[in-house]
PDB file of all heavy atoms in Angstrom:
ATOM      1  N   GLY A   1     -27.489 -35.127 -41.311  1.00  0.00           N
ATOM      2  CA  GLY A   1     -26.623 -34.846 -42.417  1.00  0.00           C
ATOM      3  C   GLY A   1     -26.838 -33.486 -43.076  1.00  0.00           C
ATOM      4  O   GLY A   1     -26.038 -32.959 -43.779  1.00  0.00           O
ATOM      5  N   GLU A   2     -28.114 -32.952 -42.876  1.00  0.00           N
ATOM      6  CA  GLU A   2     -28.406 -31.651 -43.483  1.00  0.00           C
ATOM      7  C   GLU A   2     -27.630 -30.558 -42.745  1.00  0.00           C
ATOM      8  O   GLU A   2     -27.416 -30.649 -41.508  1.00  0.00           O
ATOM      9  CB  GLU A   2     -29.885 -31.349 -43.395  1.00  0.00           C
ATOM     10  CG  GLU A   2     -30.711 -32.122 -44.327  1.00  0.00           C
ATOM     11  CD  GLU A   2     -32.200 -31.665 -44.271  1.00  0.00           C
ATOM     12  OE1 GLU A   2     -32.433 -30.458 -44.513  1.00  0.00           O
ATOM     13  OE2 GLU A   2     -33.066 -32.487 -43.926  1.00  0.00           O
ATOM     14  N   ILE A   3     -27.266 -29.526 -43.475  1.00  0.00           N
ATOM     15  CA  ILE A   3     -26.634 -28.362 -42.817  1.00  0.00           C
ATOM     16  C   ILE A   3     -27.695 -27.342 -42.627  1.00  0.00           C
ATOM     17  O   ILE A   3     -28.408 -26.956 -43.557  1.00  0.00           O
ATOM     18  CB  ILE A   3     -25.478 -27.826 -43.697  1.00  0.00           C
ATOM     19  CG1 ILE A   3     -24.379 -28.894 -43.883  1.00  0.00           C
ATOM     20  CG2 ILE A   3     -24.914 -26.569 -43.110  1.00  0.00           C
ATOM     21  CD1 ILE A   3     -23.295 -28.512 -44.853  1.00  0.00           C
ATOM     22  N   VAL A   4     -27.840 -26.839 -41.403  1.00  0.00           N
ATOM     23  CA  VAL A   4     -28.805 -25.815 -41.072  1.00  0.00           C
ATOM     24  C   VAL A   4     -28.071 -24.540 -40.682  1.00  0.00           C
ATOM     25  O   VAL A   4     -26.999 -24.577 -40.215  1.00  0.00           O
ATOM     26  CB  VAL A   4     -29.797 -26.252 -39.958  1.00  0.00           C
ATOM     27  CG1 VAL A   4     -30.632 -27.420 -40.380  1.00  0.00           C
ATOM     28  CG2 VAL A   4     -29.059 -26.588 -38.666  1.00  0.00           C
ATOM     29  N   GLU A   5     -28.770 -23.446 -40.995  1.00  0.00           N
ATOM     30  CA  GLU A   5     -28.233 -22.145 -40.689  1.00  0.00           C
ATOM     31  C   GLU A   5     -29.241 -21.394 -39.833  1.00  0.00           C
ATOM     32  O   GLU A   5     -30.388 -21.267 -40.229  1.00  0.00           O
ATOM     33  CB  GLU A   5     -27.991 -21.403 -41.996  1.00  0.00           C
ATOM     34  CG  GLU A   5     -27.244 -20.108 -41.884  1.00  0.00           C
ATOM     35  CD  GLU A   5     -26.940 -19.560 -43.260  1.00  0.00           C
ATOM     36  OE1 GLU A   5     -26.052 -20.058 -43.960  1.00  0.00           O
ATOM     37  OE2 GLU A   5     -27.672 -18.601 -43.641  1.00  0.00           O
ATOM     38  N   VAL A   6     -28.830 -20.966 -38.665  1.00  0.00           N
ATOM     39  CA  VAL A   6     -29.724 -20.281 -37.748  1.00  0.00           C
ATOM     40  C   VAL A   6     -29.206 -18.878 -37.530  1.00  0.00           C
ATOM     41  O   VAL A   6     -28.029 -18.676 -37.234  1.00  0.00           O
ATOM     42  CB  VAL A   6     -29.824 -21.023 -36.383  1.00  0.00           C
ATOM     43  CG1 VAL A   6     -30.768 -20.298 -35.430  1.00  0.00           C
ATOM     44  CG2 VAL A   6     -30.337 -22.426 -36.602  1.00  0.00           C
ATOM     45  N   LYS A   7     -30.034 -17.868 -37.687  1.00  0.00           N
ATOM     46  CA  LYS A   7     -29.672 -16.490 -37.474  1.00  0.00           C
ATOM     47  C   LYS A   7     -30.166 -16.047 -36.121  1.00  0.00           C
ATOM     48  O   LYS A   7     -31.363 -16.249 -35.817  1.00  0.00           O
ATOM     49  CB  LYS A   7     -30.249 -15.578 -38.580  1.00  0.00           C
ATOM     50  CG  LYS A   7     -29.690 -15.843 -39.916  1.00  0.00           C
ATOM     51  CD  LYS A   7     -30.318 -14.929 -40.951  1.00  0.00           C
ATOM     52  CE  LYS A   7     -29.796 -15.280 -42.348  1.00  0.00           C
ATOM     53  NZ  LYS A   7     -30.406 -14.459 -43.394  1.00  0.00           N
ATOM     54  N   LEU A   8     -29.320 -15.486 -35.356  1.00  0.00           N
ATOM     55  CA  LEU A   8     -29.633 -14.974 -34.023  1.00  0.00           C
ATOM     56  C   LEU A   8     -29.228 -13.553 -33.830  1.00  0.00           C
ATOM     57  O   LEU A   8     -28.313 -13.091 -34.547  1.00  0.00           O
ATOM     58  CB  LEU A   8     -28.902 -15.814 -32.918  1.00  0.00           C
ATOM     59  CG  LEU A   8     -29.064 -17.321 -32.934  1.00  0.00           C
ATOM     60  CD1 LEU A   8     -28.107 -17.914 -31.916  1.00  0.00           C
ATOM     61  CD2 LEU A   8     -30.472 -17.673 -32.565  1.00  0.00           C
ATOM     62  N   GLU A   9     -29.887 -12.838 -32.936  1.00  0.00           N
ATOM     63  CA  GLU A   9     -29.384 -11.555 -32.546  1.00  0.00           C
ATOM     64  C   GLU A   9     -28.843 -11.678 -31.165  1.00  0.00           C
ATOM     65  O   GLU A   9     -29.575 -12.086 -30.236  1.00  0.00           O
ATOM     66  CB  GLU A   9     -30.507 -10.497 -32.567  1.00  0.00           C
ATOM     67  CG  GLU A   9     -30.014  -9.123 -32.233  1.00  0.00           C
ATOM     68  CD  GLU A   9     -31.114  -8.075 -32.312  1.00  0.00           C
ATOM     69  OE1 GLU A   9     -31.842  -8.066 -33.342  1.00  0.00           O
ATOM     70  OE2 GLU A   9     -31.240  -7.333 -31.324  1.00  0.00           O
ATOM     71  N   ARG A  10     -27.609 -11.418 -30.948  1.00  0.00           N
ATOM     72  CA  ARG A  10     -26.965 -11.573 -29.636  1.00  0.00           C
ATOM     73  C   ARG A  10     -26.236 -10.306 -29.299  1.00  0.00           C
ATOM     74  O   ARG A  10     -25.363  -9.843 -30.061  1.00  0.00           O
ATOM     75  CB  ARG A  10     -25.995 -12.773 -29.720  1.00  0.00           C
ATOM     76  CG  ARG A  10     -25.363 -13.020 -28.335  1.00  0.00           C
ATOM     77  CD  ARG A  10     -24.490 -14.300 -28.378  1.00  0.00           C
ATOM     78  NE  ARG A  10     -25.350 -15.471 -28.448  1.00  0.00           N
ATOM     79  CZ  ARG A  10     -24.966 -16.635 -28.876  1.00  0.00           C
ATOM     80  NH1 ARG A  10     -23.676 -16.824 -29.199  1.00  0.00           N
ATOM     81  NH2 ARG A  10     -25.802 -17.663 -28.904  1.00  0.00           N
ATOM     82  N   ASP A  11     -26.605  -9.708 -28.191  1.00  0.00           N
ATOM     83  CA  ASP A  11     -25.980  -8.446 -27.738  1.00  0.00           C
ATOM     84  C   ASP A  11     -26.071  -7.385 -28.839  1.00  0.00           C
ATOM     85  O   ASP A  11     -25.125  -6.638 -29.084  1.00  0.00           O
ATOM     86  CB  ASP A  11     -24.548  -8.654 -27.298  1.00  0.00           C
ATOM     87  CG  ASP A  11     -24.427  -9.549 -26.053  1.00  0.00           C
ATOM     88  OD1 ASP A  11     -25.444  -9.524 -25.246  1.00  0.00           O
ATOM     89  OD2 ASP A  11     -23.441 -10.262 -25.921  1.00  0.00           O
ATOM     90  N   GLY A  12     -27.233  -7.335 -29.525  1.00  0.00           N
ATOM     91  CA  GLY A  12     -27.419  -6.280 -30.562  1.00  0.00           C
ATOM     92  C   GLY A  12     -26.788  -6.602 -31.880  1.00  0.00           C
ATOM     93  O   GLY A  12     -26.901  -5.761 -32.814  1.00  0.00           O
ATOM     94  N   LYS A  13     -26.144  -7.736 -32.060  1.00  0.00           N
ATOM     95  CA  LYS A  13     -25.537  -8.089 -33.292  1.00  0.00           C
ATOM     96  C   LYS A  13     -26.132  -9.347 -33.855  1.00  0.00           C
ATOM     97  O   LYS A  13     -26.432 -10.299 -33.124  1.00  0.00           O
ATOM     98  CB  LYS A  13     -24.007  -8.322 -33.138  1.00  0.00           C
ATOM     99  CG  LYS A  13     -23.240  -7.076 -32.649  1.00  0.00           C
ATOM    100  CD  LYS A  13     -21.805  -7.436 -32.407  1.00  0.00           C
ATOM    101  CE  LYS A  13     -21.060  -6.284 -31.795  1.00  0.00           C
ATOM    102  NZ  LYS A  13     -19.708  -6.633 -31.407  1.00  0.00           N
ATOM    103  N   GLU A  14     -26.348  -9.383 -35.153  1.00  0.00           N
ATOM    104  CA  GLU A  14     -26.880 -10.585 -35.801  1.00  0.00           C
ATOM    105  C   GLU A  14     -25.707 -11.544 -36.062  1.00  0.00           C
ATOM    106  O   GLU A  14     -24.663 -11.134 -36.592  1.00  0.00           O
ATOM    107  CB  GLU A  14     -27.552 -10.258 -37.141  1.00  0.00           C
ATOM    108  CG  GLU A  14     -28.176 -11.498 -37.749  1.00  0.00           C
ATOM    109  CD  GLU A  14     -28.924 -11.165 -39.025  1.00  0.00           C
ATOM    110  OE1 GLU A  14     -29.952 -10.415 -38.983  1.00  0.00           O
ATOM    111  OE2 GLU A  14     -28.532 -11.690 -40.087  1.00  0.00           O
ATOM    112  N   ILE A  15     -25.877 -12.786 -35.645  1.00  0.00           N
ATOM    113  CA  ILE A  15     -24.856 -13.799 -35.927  1.00  0.00           C
ATOM    114  C   ILE A  15     -25.552 -14.971 -36.615  1.00  0.00           C
ATOM    115  O   ILE A  15     -26.728 -15.173 -36.534  1.00  0.00           O
ATOM    116  CB  ILE A  15     -24.143 -14.255 -34.691  1.00  0.00           C
ATOM    117  CG1 ILE A  15     -25.107 -14.915 -33.705  1.00  0.00           C
ATOM    118  CG2 ILE A  15     -23.415 -13.132 -33.978  1.00  0.00           C
ATOM    119  CD1 ILE A  15     -24.434 -15.668 -32.538  1.00  0.00           C
ATOM    120  N   VAL A  16     -24.776 -15.700 -37.339  1.00  0.00           N
ATOM    121  CA  VAL A  16     -25.256 -16.929 -38.078  1.00  0.00           C
ATOM    122  C   VAL A  16     -24.499 -18.109 -37.531  1.00  0.00           C
ATOM    123  O   VAL A  16     -23.296 -18.120 -37.486  1.00  0.00           O
ATOM    124  CB  VAL A  16     -25.047 -16.794 -39.597  1.00  0.00           C
ATOM    125  CG1 VAL A  16     -25.520 -18.049 -40.318  1.00  0.00           C
ATOM    126  CG2 VAL A  16     -25.781 -15.563 -40.110  1.00  0.00           C
ATOM    127  N   ILE A  17     -25.253 -19.122 -37.115  1.00  0.00           N
ATOM    128  CA  ILE A  17     -24.666 -20.383 -36.627  1.00  0.00           C
ATOM    129  C   ILE A  17     -24.994 -21.482 -37.663  1.00  0.00           C
ATOM    130  O   ILE A  17     -26.197 -21.652 -37.984  1.00  0.00           O
ATOM    131  CB  ILE A  17     -25.217 -20.759 -35.249  1.00  0.00           C
ATOM    132  CG1 ILE A  17     -24.861 -19.682 -34.248  1.00  0.00           C
ATOM    133  CG2 ILE A  17     -24.703 -22.114 -34.865  1.00  0.00           C
ATOM    134  CD1 ILE A  17     -25.482 -19.861 -32.895  1.00  0.00           C
ATOM    135  N   LYS A  18     -23.972 -22.153 -38.199  1.00  0.00           N
ATOM    136  CA  LYS A  18     -24.201 -23.221 -39.119  1.00  0.00           C
ATOM    137  C   LYS A  18     -23.863 -24.524 -38.443  1.00  0.00           C
ATOM    138  O   LYS A  18     -22.831 -24.608 -37.746  1.00  0.00           O
ATOM    139  CB  LYS A  18     -23.352 -23.109 -40.378  1.00  0.00           C
ATOM    140  CG  LYS A  18     -23.729 -21.908 -41.222  1.00  0.00           C
ATOM    141  CD  LYS A  18     -22.841 -21.797 -42.471  1.00  0.00           C
ATOM    142  CE  LYS A  18     -23.212 -20.546 -43.239  1.00  0.00           C
ATOM    143  NZ  LYS A  18     -22.357 -20.408 -44.438  1.00  0.00           N
ATOM    144  N   ASN A  19     -24.617 -25.573 -38.654  1.00  0.00           N
ATOM    145  CA  ASN A  19     -24.342 -26.888 -38.014  1.00  0.00           C
ATOM    146  C   ASN A  19     -24.874 -27.974 -38.855  1.00  0.00           C
ATOM    147  O   ASN A  19     -25.899 -27.847 -39.561  1.00  0.00           O
ATOM    148  CB  ASN A  19     -24.988 -26.907 -36.658  1.00  0.00           C
ATOM    149  CG  ASN A  19     -24.382 -27.952 -35.754  1.00  0.00           C
ATOM    150  OD1 ASN A  19     -23.398 -28.614 -36.105  1.00  0.00           O
ATOM    151  ND2 ASN A  19     -24.952 -28.109 -34.565  1.00  0.00           N
ATOM    152  N   THR A  20     -24.213 -29.107 -38.844  1.00  0.00           N
ATOM    153  CA  THR A  20     -24.676 -30.309 -39.541  1.00  0.00           C
ATOM    154  C   THR A  20     -25.450 -31.135 -38.514  1.00  0.00           C
ATOM    155  O   THR A  20     -25.011 -31.436 -37.412  1.00  0.00           O
ATOM    156  CB  THR A  20     -23.464 -31.133 -40.061  1.00  0.00           C
ATOM    157  OG1 THR A  20     -22.675 -30.304 -40.917  1.00  0.00           O
ATOM    158  CG2 THR A  20     -23.934 -32.369 -40.826  1.00  0.00           C
ATOM    159  N   LEU A  21     -26.639 -31.498 -38.926  1.00  0.00           N
ATOM    160  CA  LEU A  21     -27.524 -32.271 -38.034  1.00  0.00           C
ATOM    161  C   LEU A  21     -27.028 -33.686 -37.834  1.00  0.00           C
ATOM    162  O   LEU A  21     -26.501 -34.324 -38.756  1.00  0.00           O
ATOM    163  CB  LEU A  21     -28.949 -32.302 -38.605  1.00  0.00           C
ATOM    164  CG  LEU A  21     -29.623 -30.924 -38.790  1.00  0.00           C
ATOM    165  CD1 LEU A  21     -30.989 -31.122 -39.398  1.00  0.00           C
ATOM    166  CD2 LEU A  21     -29.748 -30.185 -37.482  1.00  0.00           C
ATOM    167  N   THR A  22     -27.238 -34.181 -36.625  1.00  0.00           N
ATOM    168  CA  THR A  22     -26.911 -35.548 -36.306  1.00  0.00           C
ATOM    169  C   THR A  22     -28.153 -36.292 -35.912  1.00  0.00           C
ATOM    170  O   THR A  22     -29.154 -35.641 -35.567  1.00  0.00           O
ATOM    171  CB  THR A  22     -25.921 -35.627 -35.110  1.00  0.00           C
ATOM    172  OG1 THR A  22     -26.478 -34.941 -33.988  1.00  0.00           O
ATOM    173  CG2 THR A  22     -24.581 -34.967 -35.458  1.00  0.00           C
ATOM    174  N   PRO A  23     -28.184 -37.598 -35.944  1.00  0.00           N
ATOM    175  CA  PRO A  23     -29.378 -38.304 -35.604  1.00  0.00           C
ATOM    176  C   PRO A  23     -29.801 -38.071 -34.145  1.00  0.00           C
ATOM    177  O   PRO A  23     -28.943 -37.980 -33.268  1.00  0.00           O
ATOM    178  CB  PRO A  23     -29.037 -39.786 -35.801  1.00  0.00           C
ATOM    179  CG  PRO A  23     -27.808 -39.794 -36.618  1.00  0.00           C
ATOM    180  CD  PRO A  23     -27.115 -38.498 -36.363  1.00  0.00           C
ATOM    181  N   ALA A  24     -31.057 -37.959 -33.870  1.00  0.00           N
ATOM    182  CA  ALA A  24     -31.574 -37.861 -32.496  1.00  0.00           C
ATOM    183  C   ALA A  24     -31.565 -39.293 -31.946  1.00  0.00           C
ATOM    184  O   ALA A  24     -31.811 -40.296 -32.683  1.00  0.00           O
ATOM    185  CB  ALA A  24     -32.970 -37.274 -32.505  1.00  0.00           C
ATOM    186  N   PHE A  25     -31.290 -39.424 -30.683  1.00  0.00           N
ATOM    187  CA  PHE A  25     -31.345 -40.749 -30.048  1.00  0.00           C
ATOM    188  C   PHE A  25     -31.655 -40.665 -28.603  1.00  0.00           C
ATOM    189  O   PHE A  25     -31.593 -39.601 -28.008  1.00  0.00           O
ATOM    190  CB  PHE A  25     -29.996 -41.477 -30.228  1.00  0.00           C
ATOM    191  CG  PHE A  25     -28.867 -40.816 -29.472  1.00  0.00           C
ATOM    192  CD1 PHE A  25     -28.599 -41.238 -28.143  1.00  0.00           C
ATOM    193  CD2 PHE A  25     -28.129 -39.774 -29.985  1.00  0.00           C
ATOM    194  CE1 PHE A  25     -27.553 -40.638 -27.440  1.00  0.00           C
ATOM    195  CE2 PHE A  25     -27.112 -39.189 -29.260  1.00  0.00           C
ATOM    196  CZ  PHE A  25     -26.838 -39.634 -28.000  1.00  0.00           C
ATOM    197  N   THR A  26     -32.055 -41.757 -28.053  1.00  0.00           N
ATOM    198  CA  THR A  26     -32.302 -41.839 -26.623  1.00  0.00           C
ATOM    199  C   THR A  26     -31.843 -43.232 -26.160  1.00  0.00           C
ATOM    200  O   THR A  26     -31.895 -44.162 -26.898  1.00  0.00           O
ATOM    201  CB  THR A  26     -33.774 -41.588 -26.245  1.00  0.00           C
ATOM    202  OG1 THR A  26     -33.903 -41.673 -24.856  1.00  0.00           O
ATOM    203  CG2 THR A  26     -34.687 -42.640 -26.881  1.00  0.00           C
ATOM    204  N   LYS A  27     -31.341 -43.258 -24.936  1.00  0.00           N
ATOM    205  CA  LYS A  27     -30.921 -44.541 -24.417  1.00  0.00           C
ATOM    206  C   LYS A  27     -32.012 -45.191 -23.600  1.00  0.00           C
ATOM    207  O   LYS A  27     -32.024 -46.389 -23.418  1.00  0.00           O
ATOM    208  CB  LYS A  27     -29.698 -44.314 -23.507  1.00  0.00           C
ATOM    209  CG  LYS A  27     -28.479 -43.872 -24.286  1.00  0.00           C
ATOM    210  CD  LYS A  27     -27.297 -43.725 -23.361  1.00  0.00           C
ATOM    211  CE  LYS A  27     -26.066 -43.206 -24.161  1.00  0.00           C
ATOM    212  NZ  LYS A  27     -24.896 -43.060 -23.308  1.00  0.00           N
ATOM    213  N   GLY A  28     -32.914 -44.417 -23.035  1.00  0.00           N
ATOM    214  CA  GLY A  28     -33.965 -44.955 -22.170  1.00  0.00           C
ATOM    215  C   GLY A  28     -35.252 -45.164 -22.912  1.00  0.00           C
ATOM    216  O   GLY A  28     -35.504 -44.625 -23.972  1.00  0.00           O
ATOM    217  N   LYS A  29     -36.104 -45.964 -22.291  1.00  0.00           N
ATOM    218  CA  LYS A  29     -37.410 -46.219 -22.864  1.00  0.00           C
ATOM    219  C   LYS A  29     -38.515 -45.734 -21.939  1.00  0.00           C
ATOM    220  O   LYS A  29     -39.692 -45.772 -22.291  1.00  0.00           O
ATOM    221  CB  LYS A  29     -37.625 -47.718 -23.129  1.00  0.00           C
ATOM    222  CG  LYS A  29     -36.648 -48.238 -24.159  1.00  0.00           C
ATOM    223  CD  LYS A  29     -36.911 -49.663 -24.548  1.00  0.00           C
ATOM    224  CE  LYS A  29     -35.926 -50.095 -25.608  1.00  0.00           C
ATOM    225  NZ  LYS A  29     -36.242 -51.347 -26.227  1.00  0.00           N
ATOM    226  N   ALA A  30     -38.135 -45.243 -20.767  1.00  0.00           N
ATOM    227  CA  ALA A  30     -39.170 -44.739 -19.804  1.00  0.00           C
ATOM    228  C   ALA A  30     -38.469 -43.790 -18.826  1.00  0.00           C
ATOM    229  O   ALA A  30     -37.276 -43.773 -18.656  1.00  0.00           O
ATOM    230  CB  ALA A  30     -39.744 -45.938 -19.074  1.00  0.00           C
ATOM    231  N   ILE A  31     -39.288 -42.999 -18.217  1.00  0.00           N
ATOM    232  CA  ILE A  31     -38.904 -42.137 -17.132  1.00  0.00           C
ATOM    233  C   ILE A  31     -39.553 -42.610 -15.868  1.00  0.00           C
ATOM    234  O   ILE A  31     -40.795 -42.873 -15.870  1.00  0.00           O
ATOM    235  CB  ILE A  31     -39.253 -40.676 -17.386  1.00  0.00           C
ATOM    236  CG1 ILE A  31     -38.513 -40.170 -18.630  1.00  0.00           C
ATOM    237  CG2 ILE A  31     -38.952 -39.810 -16.182  1.00  0.00           C
ATOM    238  CD1 ILE A  31     -38.862 -38.793 -19.043  1.00  0.00           C
ATOM    239  N   LYS A  32     -38.808 -42.808 -14.814  1.00  0.00           N
ATOM    240  CA  LYS A  32     -39.433 -43.222 -13.576  1.00  0.00           C
ATOM    241  C   LYS A  32     -38.726 -42.593 -12.375  1.00  0.00           C
ATOM    242  O   LYS A  32     -37.615 -42.105 -12.480  1.00  0.00           O
ATOM    243  CB  LYS A  32     -39.367 -44.753 -13.414  1.00  0.00           C
ATOM    244  CG  LYS A  32     -37.942 -45.288 -13.316  1.00  0.00           C
ATOM    245  CD  LYS A  32     -37.960 -46.840 -13.141  1.00  0.00           C
ATOM    246  CE  LYS A  32     -36.553 -47.305 -13.002  1.00  0.00           C
ATOM    247  NZ  LYS A  32     -36.533 -48.728 -12.717  1.00  0.00           N
ATOM    248  N   ARG A  33     -39.447 -42.481 -11.316  1.00  0.00           N
ATOM    249  CA  ARG A  33     -38.909 -41.903 -10.106  1.00  0.00           C
ATOM    250  C   ARG A  33     -37.906 -42.952  -9.478  1.00  0.00           C
ATOM    251  O   ARG A  33     -38.155 -44.092  -9.518  1.00  0.00           O
ATOM    252  CB  ARG A  33     -39.982 -41.601  -9.090  1.00  0.00           C
ATOM    253  CG  ARG A  33     -40.918 -40.483  -9.549  1.00  0.00           C
ATOM    254  CD  ARG A  33     -41.992 -40.244  -8.486  1.00  0.00           C
ATOM    255  NE  ARG A  33     -43.042 -39.439  -9.007  1.00  0.00           N
ATOM    256  CZ  ARG A  33     -43.062 -38.112  -8.890  1.00  0.00           C
ATOM    257  NH1 ARG A  33     -42.073 -37.466  -8.331  1.00  0.00           N
ATOM    258  NH2 ARG A  33     -44.077 -37.420  -9.400  1.00  0.00           N
TER     259      ARG A  33
END
């Protein structure tokens, strides 16, 4: 729910990306071959 602002330099120009965070989740409980 927090809004984060990330500043990047892309192709010599500074840009700002704003995004609202969403909950992290996973569907699995293990990794297996």
